[in-house]
Amino acid sequence: MFDFLKKAFGKTNEAIREAVPEKKKTLEKNELEEVLLEADVDYELVERLLEGLPETISRTQAFNSLISVFQYQARWINPDDHHPFVEMIIGVNGAGKTTTIAKLARLYQKEGRSVILGAGDTFRAAAIEQLSRWAQKLNVPIVATRQGHDPSAVVFDTIKSALAKEIDRVIIDTAGRLHTQTNLAEELKKMVRVADKALPGAPHRKMLILDGTQGSSTLNQAKAFDAMIGIDGIILTKLDGTAKGGAVLTIADELKMPLYYIGTGESPDDLIPFRANDYVNMILDEIYEK
């Protein structure tokens, strides 16, 4: 798992090595500051992380400072608490929503769970076609309609199909853009209401997909979607293509939401659970001697 993590943050690690070319037993405060800024950690957060640390910083001191960012109270949702477990996938176009749905479906398959997909992004014909192709590749059922049709009807039909067939996991795609933000908000709210009508309590988890190449700039997206319908957790994608991996610290610090998974590549198997300890150790491995 740790090797997959290093793969995901490969370009970030390269940037860290450029800031500190040789590993050391201790690090000067200004060197750690440079490493964090180079990795796209927000400046104010960097200042807070360094506050109280000595001028010469040991690995243990650096670890304790960085891991503190993740020590907030968060509501983690266990899919095994619901049957079927209904998950709604949220995010702007281009963030990797459709591919991430395929990765989630594959992950659940590897856990021995049955899966059904709902093509709820009826705003884009390409989204329906792409998700349908993934469903075929993964050999999972999908409920899909034509572009422009009511996405809430897709939500209802997908959940009812899962109930009838006793399927374990329901993953529903949503639109990432409509003509106005107000239209998008109203559509998403309606989809949530209809899910609850089809199965009281659904959707059980509303997962936001954030594009890692955008770094800290995704914060406004997250806050907007959270204000619309309430976000339960985050999946970070495309981290393997950016040196902005330090933005994970900023995102965690600002949003205080569960970070469930990170994408590590393009194939359906390229999704791993996010573990804060592993993430912090991976950064420190690049700058400290073992």
C-alpha atoms as a PDB file:
ATOM      1  CA  MET A   1       0.000   0.000   0.000  1.00  0.00           C
ATOM      2  CA  PHE A   2       2.847   2.366   0.875  1.00  0.00           C
ATOM      3  CA  ASP A   3       4.400   1.825  -2.583  1.00  0.00           C
ATOM      4  CA  PHE A   4       1.099   2.809  -4.214  1.00  0.00           C
ATOM      5  CA  LEU A   5       1.082   5.957  -2.095  1.00  0.00           C
ATOM      6  CA  LYS A   6       4.617   6.864  -3.197  1.00  0.00           C
ATOM      7  CA  LYS A   7       3.531   6.346  -6.798  1.00  0.00           C
ATOM      8  CA  ALA A   8       0.578   8.685  -6.309  1.00  0.00           C
ATOM      9  CA  PHE A   9       2.775  11.421  -4.869  1.00  0.00           C
ATOM     10  CA  GLY A  10       5.759  10.841  -7.178  1.00  0.00           C
ATOM     11  CA  LYS A  11       5.938  14.388  -8.562  1.00  0.00           C
ATOM     12  CA  THR A  12       5.415  15.894  -5.119  1.00  0.00           C
ATOM     13  CA  ASN A  13       8.325  13.841  -3.826  1.00  0.00           C
ATOM     14  CA  GLU A  14      10.481  15.051  -6.726  1.00  0.00           C
ATOM     15  CA  ALA A  15       9.697  18.657  -5.764  1.00  0.00           C
ATOM     16  CA  ILE A  16      10.603  17.899  -2.135  1.00  0.00           C
ATOM     17  CA  ARG A  17      13.920  16.371  -3.185  1.00  0.00           C
ATOM     18  CA  GLU A  18      14.701  19.509  -5.191  1.00  0.00           C
ATOM     19  CA  ALA A  19      14.076  21.630  -2.088  1.00  0.00           C
ATOM     20  CA  VAL A  20      16.208  19.336   0.108  1.00  0.00           C
ATOM     21  CA  PRO A  21      18.558  17.317  -2.173  1.00  0.00           C
ATOM     22  CA  GLU A  22      20.184  15.317   0.634  1.00  0.00           C
ATOM     23  CA  LYS A  23      18.424  13.522   3.471  1.00  0.00           C
ATOM     24  CA  LYS A  24      19.316  14.722   6.946  1.00  0.00           C
ATOM     25  CA  LYS A  25      19.012  13.669  10.572  1.00  0.00           C
ATOM     26  CA  THR A  26      17.581  17.072  11.486  1.00  0.00           C
ATOM     27  CA  LEU A  27      16.138  19.890   9.423  1.00  0.00           C
ATOM     28  CA  GLU A  28      16.391  23.636   9.815  1.00  0.00           C
ATOM     29  CA  LYS A  29      13.045  25.381  10.248  1.00  0.00           C
ATOM     30  CA  ASN A  30      13.483  27.360   7.016  1.00  0.00           C
ATOM     31  CA  GLU A  31      14.180  24.102   5.123  1.00  0.00           C
ATOM     32  CA  LEU A  32      10.950  22.484   6.353  1.00  0.00           C
ATOM     33  CA  GLU A  33       9.107  25.686   5.459  1.00  0.00           C
ATOM     34  CA  GLU A  34      10.497  25.516   1.911  1.00  0.00           C
ATOM     35  CA  VAL A  35       9.498  21.842   1.563  1.00  0.00           C
ATOM     36  CA  LEU A  36       5.909  22.540   2.644  1.00  0.00           C
ATOM     37  CA  LEU A  37       5.491  25.609   0.452  1.00  0.00           C
ATOM     38  CA  GLU A  38       7.014  23.767  -2.524  1.00  0.00           C
ATOM     39  CA  ALA A  39       4.373  21.042  -2.069  1.00  0.00           C
ATOM     40  CA  ASP A  40       1.557  23.655  -2.162  1.00  0.00           C
ATOM     41  CA  VAL A  41       0.682  23.775   1.535  1.00  0.00           C
ATOM     42  CA  ASP A  42      -1.127  27.042   2.297  1.00  0.00           C
ATOM     43  CA  TYR A  43       1.239  29.693   3.705  1.00  0.00           C
ATOM     44  CA  GLU A  44      -0.845  30.415   6.813  1.00  0.00           C
ATOM     45  CA  LEU A  45      -0.993  26.707   7.621  1.00  0.00           C
ATOM     46  CA  VAL A  46       2.778  26.396   7.152  1.00  0.00           C
ATOM     47  CA  GLU A  47       3.278  29.214   9.651  1.00  0.00           C
ATOM     48  CA  ARG A  48       1.010  27.451  12.164  1.00  0.00           C
ATOM     49  CA  LEU A  49       2.769  24.107  11.673  1.00  0.00           C
ATOM     50  CA  LEU A  50       6.163  25.677  12.291  1.00  0.00           C
ATOM     51  CA  GLU A  51       5.019  27.719  15.278  1.00  0.00           C
ATOM     52  CA  GLY A  52       6.459  26.320  18.496  1.00  0.00           C
ATOM     53  CA  LEU A  53       8.998  24.113  16.716  1.00  0.00           C
ATOM     54  CA  PRO A  54      12.722  24.646  17.482  1.00  0.00           C
ATOM     55  CA  GLU A  55      15.118  26.057  14.897  1.00  0.00           C
ATOM     56  CA  THR A  56      16.486  22.531  14.361  1.00  0.00           C
ATOM     57  CA  ILE A  57      13.680  20.002  13.860  1.00  0.00           C
ATOM     58  CA  SER A  58      13.858  16.237  14.383  1.00  0.00           C
ATOM     59  CA  ARG A  59      11.741  13.796  12.397  1.00  0.00           C
ATOM     60  CA  THR A  60       9.550  13.065  15.412  1.00  0.00           C
ATOM     61  CA  GLN A  61       8.890  16.766  15.928  1.00  0.00           C
ATOM     62  CA  ALA A  62       8.043  17.236  12.241  1.00  0.00           C
ATOM     63  CA  PHE A  63       5.756  14.186  12.276  1.00  0.00           C
ATOM     64  CA  ASN A  64       3.867  15.367  15.360  1.00  0.00           C
ATOM     65  CA  SER A  65       3.341  18.784  13.806  1.00  0.00           C
ATOM     66  CA  LEU A  66       2.085  17.516  10.432  1.00  0.00           C
ATOM     67  CA  ILE A  67      -0.129  14.734  11.800  1.00  0.00           C
ATOM     68  CA  SER A  68      -1.896  17.242  14.063  1.00  0.00           C
ATOM     69  CA  VAL A  69      -3.681  18.581  10.957  1.00  0.00           C
ATOM     70  CA  PHE A  70      -5.669  15.338  10.699  1.00  0.00           C
ATOM     71  CA  GLN A  71      -6.670  15.128  14.357  1.00  0.00           C
ATOM     72  CA  TYR A  72     -10.173  16.551  14.020  1.00  0.00           C
ATOM     73  CA  GLN A  73     -13.533  14.998  14.764  1.00  0.00           C
ATOM     74  CA  ALA A  74     -15.050  13.583  11.572  1.00  0.00           C
ATOM     75  CA  ARG A  75     -18.095  11.422  10.867  1.00  0.00           C
ATOM     76  CA  TRP A  76     -16.820   8.308   9.099  1.00  0.00           C
ATOM     77  CA  ILE A  77     -19.492   6.232   7.349  1.00  0.00           C
ATOM     78  CA  ASN A  78     -19.221   2.441   7.100  1.00  0.00           C
ATOM     79  CA  PRO A  79     -20.864   1.022   3.951  1.00  0.00           C
ATOM     80  CA  ASP A  80     -21.552  -2.250   5.786  1.00  0.00           C
ATOM     81  CA  ASP A  81     -24.033  -0.431   8.045  1.00  0.00           C
ATOM     82  CA  HIS A  82     -26.560  -0.229   5.199  1.00  0.00           C
ATOM     83  CA  HIS A  83     -27.982  -2.664   2.635  1.00  0.00           C
ATOM     84  CA  PRO A  84     -28.021  -1.546  -0.036  1.00  0.00           C
ATOM     85  CA  PHE A  85     -25.455   1.173   0.622  1.00  0.00           C
ATOM     86  CA  VAL A  86     -26.298   4.170  -1.583  1.00  0.00           C
ATOM     87  CA  GLU A  87     -23.481   6.524  -2.524  1.00  0.00           C
ATOM     88  CA  MET A  88     -23.831   9.736  -4.521  1.00  0.00           C
ATOM     89  CA  ILE A  89     -20.712  11.001  -6.320  1.00  0.00           C
ATOM     90  CA  ILE A  90     -20.364  14.793  -6.583  1.00  0.00           C
ATOM     91  CA  GLY A  91     -17.844  17.032  -8.342  1.00  0.00           C
ATOM     92  CA  VAL A  92     -17.146  19.409 -11.197  1.00  0.00           C
ATOM     93  CA  ASN A  93     -16.624  18.153 -14.730  1.00  0.00           C
ATOM     94  CA  GLY A  94     -13.034  17.115 -15.339  1.00  0.00           C
ATOM     95  CA  ALA A  95     -12.272  16.160 -11.736  1.00  0.00           C
ATOM     96  CA  GLY A  96     -12.294  12.454 -12.626  1.00  0.00           C
ATOM     97  CA  LYS A  97     -15.779  11.631 -11.371  1.00  0.00           C
ATOM     98  CA  THR A  98     -16.684   8.910 -13.863  1.00  0.00           C
ATOM     99  CA  THR A  99     -13.321   7.143 -13.649  1.00  0.00           C
ATOM    100  CA  THR A 100     -13.467   7.278  -9.856  1.00  0.00           C
ATOM    101  CA  ILE A 101     -16.922   5.662  -9.911  1.00  0.00           C
ATOM    102  CA  ALA A 102     -15.393   2.796 -11.892  1.00  0.00           C
ATOM    103  CA  LYS A 103     -12.568   2.545  -9.346  1.00  0.00           C
ATOM    104  CA  LEU A 104     -15.031   2.456  -6.439  1.00  0.00           C
ATOM    105  CA  ALA A 105     -17.066  -0.232  -8.189  1.00  0.00           C
ATOM    106  CA  ARG A 106     -13.900  -2.282  -8.723  1.00  0.00           C
ATOM    107  CA  LEU A 107     -12.898  -1.822  -5.087  1.00  0.00           C
ATOM    108  CA  TYR A 108     -16.282  -3.103  -3.917  1.00  0.00           C
ATOM    109  CA  GLN A 109     -16.061  -6.034  -6.326  1.00  0.00           C
ATOM    110  CA  LYS A 110     -12.701  -6.995  -4.816  1.00  0.00           C
ATOM    111  CA  GLU A 111     -14.408  -6.947  -1.411  1.00  0.00           C
ATOM    112  CA  GLY A 112     -16.961  -9.438  -2.738  1.00  0.00           C
ATOM    113  CA  ARG A 113     -19.825  -6.932  -2.991  1.00  0.00           C
ATOM    114  CA  SER A 114     -22.325  -6.640  -5.815  1.00  0.00           C
ATOM    115  CA  VAL A 115     -22.603  -3.199  -7.431  1.00  0.00           C
ATOM    116  CA  ILE A 116     -25.054  -1.229  -9.560  1.00  0.00           C
ATOM    117  CA  LEU A 117     -24.340   2.142 -11.209  1.00  0.00           C
ATOM    118  CA  GLY A 118     -26.756   5.011 -11.837  1.00  0.00           C
ATOM    119  CA  ALA A 119     -25.912   7.406 -14.697  1.00  0.00           C
ATOM    120  CA  GLY A 120     -27.359  10.479 -13.009  1.00  0.00           C
ATOM    121  CA  ASP A 121     -25.307  13.018 -14.979  1.00  0.00           C
ATOM    122  CA  THR A 122     -27.928  13.391 -17.689  1.00  0.00           C
ATOM    123  CA  PHE A 123     -26.655  16.874 -18.529  1.00  0.00           C
ATOM    124  CA  ARG A 124     -23.806  15.398 -20.607  1.00  0.00           C
ATOM    125  CA  ALA A 125     -24.358  12.610 -23.125  1.00  0.00           C
ATOM    126  CA  ALA A 126     -20.641  11.804 -22.901  1.00  0.00           C
ATOM    127  CA  ALA A 127     -20.966  11.111 -19.168  1.00  0.00           C
ATOM    128  CA  ILE A 128     -23.718   8.535 -19.755  1.00  0.00           C
ATOM    129  CA  GLU A 129     -21.728   6.844 -22.520  1.00  0.00           C
ATOM    130  CA  GLN A 130     -18.481   6.789 -20.518  1.00  0.00           C
ATOM    131  CA  LEU A 131     -20.145   5.308 -17.431  1.00  0.00           C
ATOM    132  CA  SER A 132     -21.963   2.735 -19.566  1.00  0.00           C
ATOM    133  CA  ARG A 133     -18.648   1.630 -21.070  1.00  0.00           C
ATOM    134  CA  TRP A 134     -17.167   1.216 -17.584  1.00  0.00           C
ATOM    135  CA  ALA A 135     -20.200  -0.793 -16.496  1.00  0.00           C
ATOM    136  CA  GLN A 136     -19.667  -3.115 -19.446  1.00  0.00           C
ATOM    137  CA  LYS A 137     -15.926  -3.492 -18.720  1.00  0.00           C
ATOM    138  CA  LEU A 138     -16.554  -4.250 -15.050  1.00  0.00           C
ATOM    139  CA  ASN A 139     -19.583  -6.408 -15.786  1.00  0.00           C
ATOM    140  CA  VAL A 140     -21.885  -4.483 -13.458  1.00  0.00           C
ATOM    141  CA  PRO A 141     -25.494  -3.414 -14.164  1.00  0.00           C
ATOM    142  CA  ILE A 142     -26.261   0.226 -14.881  1.00  0.00           C
ATOM    143  CA  VAL A 143     -29.432   2.315 -14.981  1.00  0.00           C
ATOM    144  CA  ALA A 144     -29.074   4.935 -17.716  1.00  0.00           C
ATOM    145  CA  THR A 145     -31.315   7.143 -19.811  1.00  0.00           C
ATOM    146  CA  ARG A 146     -30.874   9.727 -22.557  1.00  0.00           C
ATOM    147  CA  GLN A 147     -29.270  13.155 -22.257  1.00  0.00           C
ATOM    148  CA  GLY A 148     -31.662  15.734 -20.840  1.00  0.00           C
ATOM    149  CA  HIS A 149     -33.867  13.285 -18.957  1.00  0.00           C
ATOM    150  CA  ASP A 150     -34.674  13.774 -15.279  1.00  0.00           C
ATOM    151  CA  PRO A 151     -31.671  12.598 -13.227  1.00  0.00           C
ATOM    152  CA  SER A 152     -33.864  12.061 -10.172  1.00  0.00           C
ATOM    153  CA  ALA A 153     -35.770   9.374 -12.069  1.00  0.00           C
ATOM    154  CA  VAL A 154     -32.417   7.612 -12.605  1.00  0.00           C
ATOM    155  CA  VAL A 155     -31.765   7.823  -8.857  1.00  0.00           C
ATOM    156  CA  PHE A 156     -35.150   6.323  -8.019  1.00  0.00           C
ATOM    157  CA  ASP A 157     -34.915   3.523 -10.588  1.00  0.00           C
ATOM    158  CA  THR A 158     -31.332   2.616  -9.615  1.00  0.00           C
ATOM    159  CA  ILE A 159     -32.171   2.285  -5.914  1.00  0.00           C
ATOM    160  CA  LYS A 160     -35.369   0.331  -6.595  1.00  0.00           C
ATOM    161  CA  SER A 161     -33.438  -2.010  -8.899  1.00  0.00           C
ATOM    162  CA  ALA A 162     -30.821  -2.557  -6.175  1.00  0.00           C
ATOM    163  CA  LEU A 163     -33.544  -3.379  -3.657  1.00  0.00           C
ATOM    164  CA  ALA A 164     -35.269  -5.806  -6.038  1.00  0.00           C
ATOM    165  CA  LYS A 165     -32.006  -7.572  -6.918  1.00  0.00           C
ATOM    166  CA  GLU A 166     -30.537  -7.397  -3.380  1.00  0.00           C
ATOM    167  CA  ILE A 167     -27.444  -5.571  -4.619  1.00  0.00           C
ATOM    168  CA  ASP A 168     -24.938  -4.427  -1.978  1.00  0.00           C
ATOM    169  CA  ARG A 169     -23.615  -1.131  -3.334  1.00  0.00           C
ATOM    170  CA  VAL A 170     -25.340   1.632  -5.334  1.00  0.00           C
ATOM    171  CA  ILE A 171     -23.100   4.297  -6.905  1.00  0.00           C
ATOM    172  CA  ILE A 172     -24.854   7.264  -8.523  1.00  0.00           C
ATOM    173  CA  ASP A 173     -23.168   9.820 -10.768  1.00  0.00           C
ATOM    174  CA  THR A 174     -24.323  13.455 -10.724  1.00  0.00           C
ATOM    175  CA  ALA A 175     -23.909  16.504 -12.955  1.00  0.00           C
ATOM    176  CA  GLY A 176     -20.918  18.734 -12.321  1.00  0.00           C
ATOM    177  CA  ARG A 177     -22.208  21.752 -14.197  1.00  0.00           C
ATOM    178  CA  LEU A 178     -25.532  23.250 -15.234  1.00  0.00           C
ATOM    179  CA  HIS A 179     -26.291  26.643 -16.724  1.00  0.00           C
ATOM    180  CA  THR A 180     -26.283  28.304 -13.324  1.00  0.00           C
ATOM    181  CA  GLN A 181     -25.078  27.323  -9.857  1.00  0.00           C
ATOM    182  CA  THR A 182     -28.682  27.659  -8.651  1.00  0.00           C
ATOM    183  CA  ASN A 183     -29.877  25.044 -11.182  1.00  0.00           C
ATOM    184  CA  LEU A 184     -27.138  22.651 -10.096  1.00  0.00           C
ATOM    185  CA  ALA A 185     -27.976  23.111  -6.415  1.00  0.00           C
ATOM    186  CA  GLU A 186     -31.700  22.520  -6.975  1.00  0.00           C
ATOM    187  CA  GLU A 187     -31.046  19.417  -9.095  1.00  0.00           C
ATOM    188  CA  LEU A 188     -28.714  17.896  -6.499  1.00  0.00           C
ATOM    189  CA  LYS A 189     -31.159  18.645  -3.671  1.00  0.00           C
ATOM    190  CA  LYS A 190     -33.952  16.975  -5.624  1.00  0.00           C
ATOM    191  CA  MET A 191     -31.784  13.901  -6.271  1.00  0.00           C
ATOM    192  CA  VAL A 192     -31.115  13.626  -2.532  1.00  0.00           C
ATOM    193  CA  ARG A 193     -34.845  13.938  -1.726  1.00  0.00           C
ATOM    194  CA  VAL A 194     -35.793  11.318  -4.304  1.00  0.00           C
ATOM    195  CA  ALA A 195     -33.115   8.922  -3.010  1.00  0.00           C
ATOM    196  CA  ASP A 196     -34.687   9.208   0.451  1.00  0.00           C
ATOM    197  CA  LYS A 197     -38.127   8.454  -1.019  1.00  0.00           C
ATOM    198  CA  ALA A 198     -36.796   5.354  -2.776  1.00  0.00           C
ATOM    199  CA  LEU A 199     -34.990   4.203   0.377  1.00  0.00           C
ATOM    200  CA  PRO A 200     -35.372   6.157   3.649  1.00  0.00           C
ATOM    201  CA  GLY A 201     -31.971   7.436   4.772  1.00  0.00           C
ATOM    202  CA  ALA A 202     -30.403   7.331   1.289  1.00  0.00           C
ATOM    203  CA  PRO A 203     -28.018   8.512   0.025  1.00  0.00           C
ATOM    204  CA  HIS A 204     -25.934   7.195   2.896  1.00  0.00           C
ATOM    205  CA  ARG A 205     -22.773   8.941   1.706  1.00  0.00           C
ATOM    206  CA  LYS A 206     -22.274  11.953  -0.569  1.00  0.00           C
ATOM    207  CA  MET A 207     -18.703  11.753  -1.792  1.00  0.00           C
ATOM    208  CA  LEU A 208     -16.913  14.733  -3.336  1.00  0.00           C
ATOM    209  CA  ILE A 209     -14.272  14.163  -6.021  1.00  0.00           C
ATOM    210  CA  LEU A 210     -11.482  16.749  -5.989  1.00  0.00           C
ATOM    211  CA  ASP A 211      -8.821  17.111  -8.697  1.00  0.00           C
ATOM    212  CA  GLY A 212      -5.411  17.003  -7.000  1.00  0.00           C
ATOM    213  CA  THR A 213      -3.774  18.976  -9.833  1.00  0.00           C
ATOM    214  CA  GLN A 214      -5.826  21.999  -8.735  1.00  0.00           C
ATOM    215  CA  GLY A 215      -4.201  21.958  -5.303  1.00  0.00           C
ATOM    216  CA  SER A 216      -5.687  24.249  -2.674  1.00  0.00           C
ATOM    217  CA  SER A 217      -7.913  25.991  -5.240  1.00  0.00           C
ATOM    218  CA  THR A 218     -10.407  23.111  -4.923  1.00  0.00           C
ATOM    219  CA  LEU A 219     -11.416  24.414  -1.480  1.00  0.00           C
ATOM    220  CA  ASN A 220     -14.029  26.783  -2.914  1.00  0.00           C
ATOM    221  CA  GLN A 221     -15.566  23.923  -4.916  1.00  0.00           C
ATOM    222  CA  ALA A 222     -15.781  21.789  -1.809  1.00  0.00           C
ATOM    223  CA  LYS A 223     -17.370  24.545   0.246  1.00  0.00           C
ATOM    224  CA  ALA A 224     -19.917  25.286  -2.493  1.00  0.00           C
ATOM    225  CA  PHE A 225     -21.030  21.653  -2.820  1.00  0.00           C
ATOM    226  CA  ASP A 226     -21.098  21.257   0.958  1.00  0.00           C
ATOM    227  CA  ALA A 227     -23.391  24.273   1.220  1.00  0.00           C
ATOM    228  CA  MET A 228     -25.671  22.787  -1.454  1.00  0.00           C
ATOM    229  CA  ILE A 229     -26.255  19.303  -0.041  1.00  0.00           C
ATOM    230  CA  GLY A 230     -23.694  18.518   2.670  1.00  0.00           C
ATOM    231  CA  ILE A 231     -20.606  16.479   1.778  1.00  0.00           C
ATOM    232  CA  ASP A 232     -19.761  13.341   3.784  1.00  0.00           C
ATOM    233  CA  GLY A 233     -16.291  12.612   2.449  1.00  0.00           C
ATOM    234  CA  ILE A 234     -13.623  13.295  -0.156  1.00  0.00           C
ATOM    235  CA  ILE A 235     -11.723  11.354  -2.807  1.00  0.00           C
ATOM    236  CA  LEU A 236      -8.631  13.052  -4.260  1.00  0.00           C
ATOM    237  CA  THR A 237      -7.767  12.237  -7.877  1.00  0.00           C
ATOM    238  CA  LYS A 238      -4.878  12.858 -10.292  1.00  0.00           C
ATOM    239  CA  LEU A 239      -2.285  13.314  -7.550  1.00  0.00           C
ATOM    240  CA  ASP A 240       0.193  11.309  -9.623  1.00  0.00           C
ATOM    241  CA  GLY A 241       0.211  14.131 -12.175  1.00  0.00           C
ATOM    242  CA  THR A 242       1.037  17.042  -9.885  1.00  0.00           C
ATOM    243  CA  ALA A 243       3.668  18.306  -7.448  1.00  0.00           C
ATOM    244  CA  LYS A 244       0.884  19.816  -5.283  1.00  0.00           C
ATOM    245  CA  GLY A 245       0.494  16.822  -2.966  1.00  0.00           C
ATOM    246  CA  GLY A 246       0.990  19.001   0.086  1.00  0.00           C
ATOM    247  CA  ALA A 247      -2.431  20.501  -0.619  1.00  0.00           C
ATOM    248  CA  VAL A 248      -3.841  17.432   1.168  1.00  0.00           C
ATOM    249  CA  LEU A 249      -2.784  19.139   4.408  1.00  0.00           C
ATOM    250  CA  THR A 250      -4.548  22.365   3.450  1.00  0.00           C
ATOM    251  CA  ILE A 251      -7.700  20.543   2.334  1.00  0.00           C
ATOM    252  CA  ALA A 252      -7.857  18.544   5.570  1.00  0.00           C
ATOM    253  CA  ASP A 253      -7.191  21.634   7.686  1.00  0.00           C
ATOM    254  CA  GLU A 254      -9.816  23.776   5.946  1.00  0.00           C
ATOM    255  CA  LEU A 255     -12.616  21.276   5.380  1.00  0.00           C
ATOM    256  CA  LYS A 256     -12.314  18.942   8.401  1.00  0.00           C
ATOM    257  CA  MET A 257     -13.979  16.178   6.348  1.00  0.00           C
ATOM    258  CA  PRO A 258     -13.110  12.472   6.097  1.00  0.00           C
ATOM    259  CA  LEU A 259     -10.636  11.838   3.291  1.00  0.00           C
ATOM    260  CA  TYR A 260     -11.509   8.292   2.198  1.00  0.00           C
ATOM    261  CA  TYR A 261      -9.465   7.483  -0.902  1.00  0.00           C
ATOM    262  CA  ILE A 262      -6.848   8.787  -3.292  1.00  0.00           C
ATOM    263  CA  GLY A 263      -6.489   7.954  -6.966  1.00  0.00           C
ATOM    264  CA  THR A 264      -3.078   6.591  -7.896  1.00  0.00           C
ATOM    265  CA  GLY A 265      -3.429   6.211 -11.677  1.00  0.00           C
ATOM    266  CA  GLU A 266      -5.841   5.559 -14.533  1.00  0.00           C
ATOM    267  CA  SER A 267      -6.790   1.883 -14.189  1.00  0.00           C
ATOM    268  CA  PRO A 268      -9.835   0.663 -12.190  1.00  0.00           C
ATOM    269  CA  ASP A 269      -7.508  -0.771  -9.533  1.00  0.00           C
ATOM    270  CA  ASP A 270      -5.771   2.577  -8.931  1.00  0.00           C
ATOM    271  CA  LEU A 271      -7.644   3.642  -5.803  1.00  0.00           C
ATOM    272  CA  ILE A 272      -6.326   3.216  -2.268  1.00  0.00           C
ATOM    273  CA  PRO A 273      -7.618   4.186   1.182  1.00  0.00           C
ATOM    274  CA  PHE A 274      -6.051   7.373   2.507  1.00  0.00           C
ATOM    275  CA  ARG A 275      -4.125   6.946   5.759  1.00  0.00           C
ATOM    276  CA  ALA A 276      -2.777  10.096   7.358  1.00  0.00           C
ATOM    277  CA  ASN A 277       0.160   8.384   9.084  1.00  0.00           C
ATOM    278  CA  ASP A 278       1.392   6.867   5.812  1.00  0.00           C
ATOM    279  CA  TYR A 279       0.990  10.192   4.015  1.00  0.00           C
ATOM    280  CA  VAL A 280       3.022  12.148   6.574  1.00  0.00           C
ATOM    281  CA  ASN A 281       5.720   9.447   6.744  1.00  0.00           C
ATOM    282  CA  MET A 282       5.989   9.426   2.966  1.00  0.00           C
ATOM    283  CA  ILE A 283       6.785  13.162   2.969  1.00  0.00           C
ATOM    284  CA  LEU A 284       9.305  12.817   5.792  1.00  0.00           C
ATOM    285  CA  ASP A 285      10.997   9.822   4.146  1.00  0.00           C
ATOM    286  CA  GLU A 286      12.133  12.183   1.386  1.00  0.00           C
ATOM    287  CA  ILE A 287      13.932  14.581   3.734  1.00  0.00           C
ATOM    288  CA  TYR A 288      15.015  12.639   6.813  1.00  0.00           C
ATOM    289  CA  GLU A 289      17.534   9.843   7.173  1.00  0.00           C
ATOM    290  CA  LYS A 290      16.052   6.654   8.579  1.00  0.00           C
END
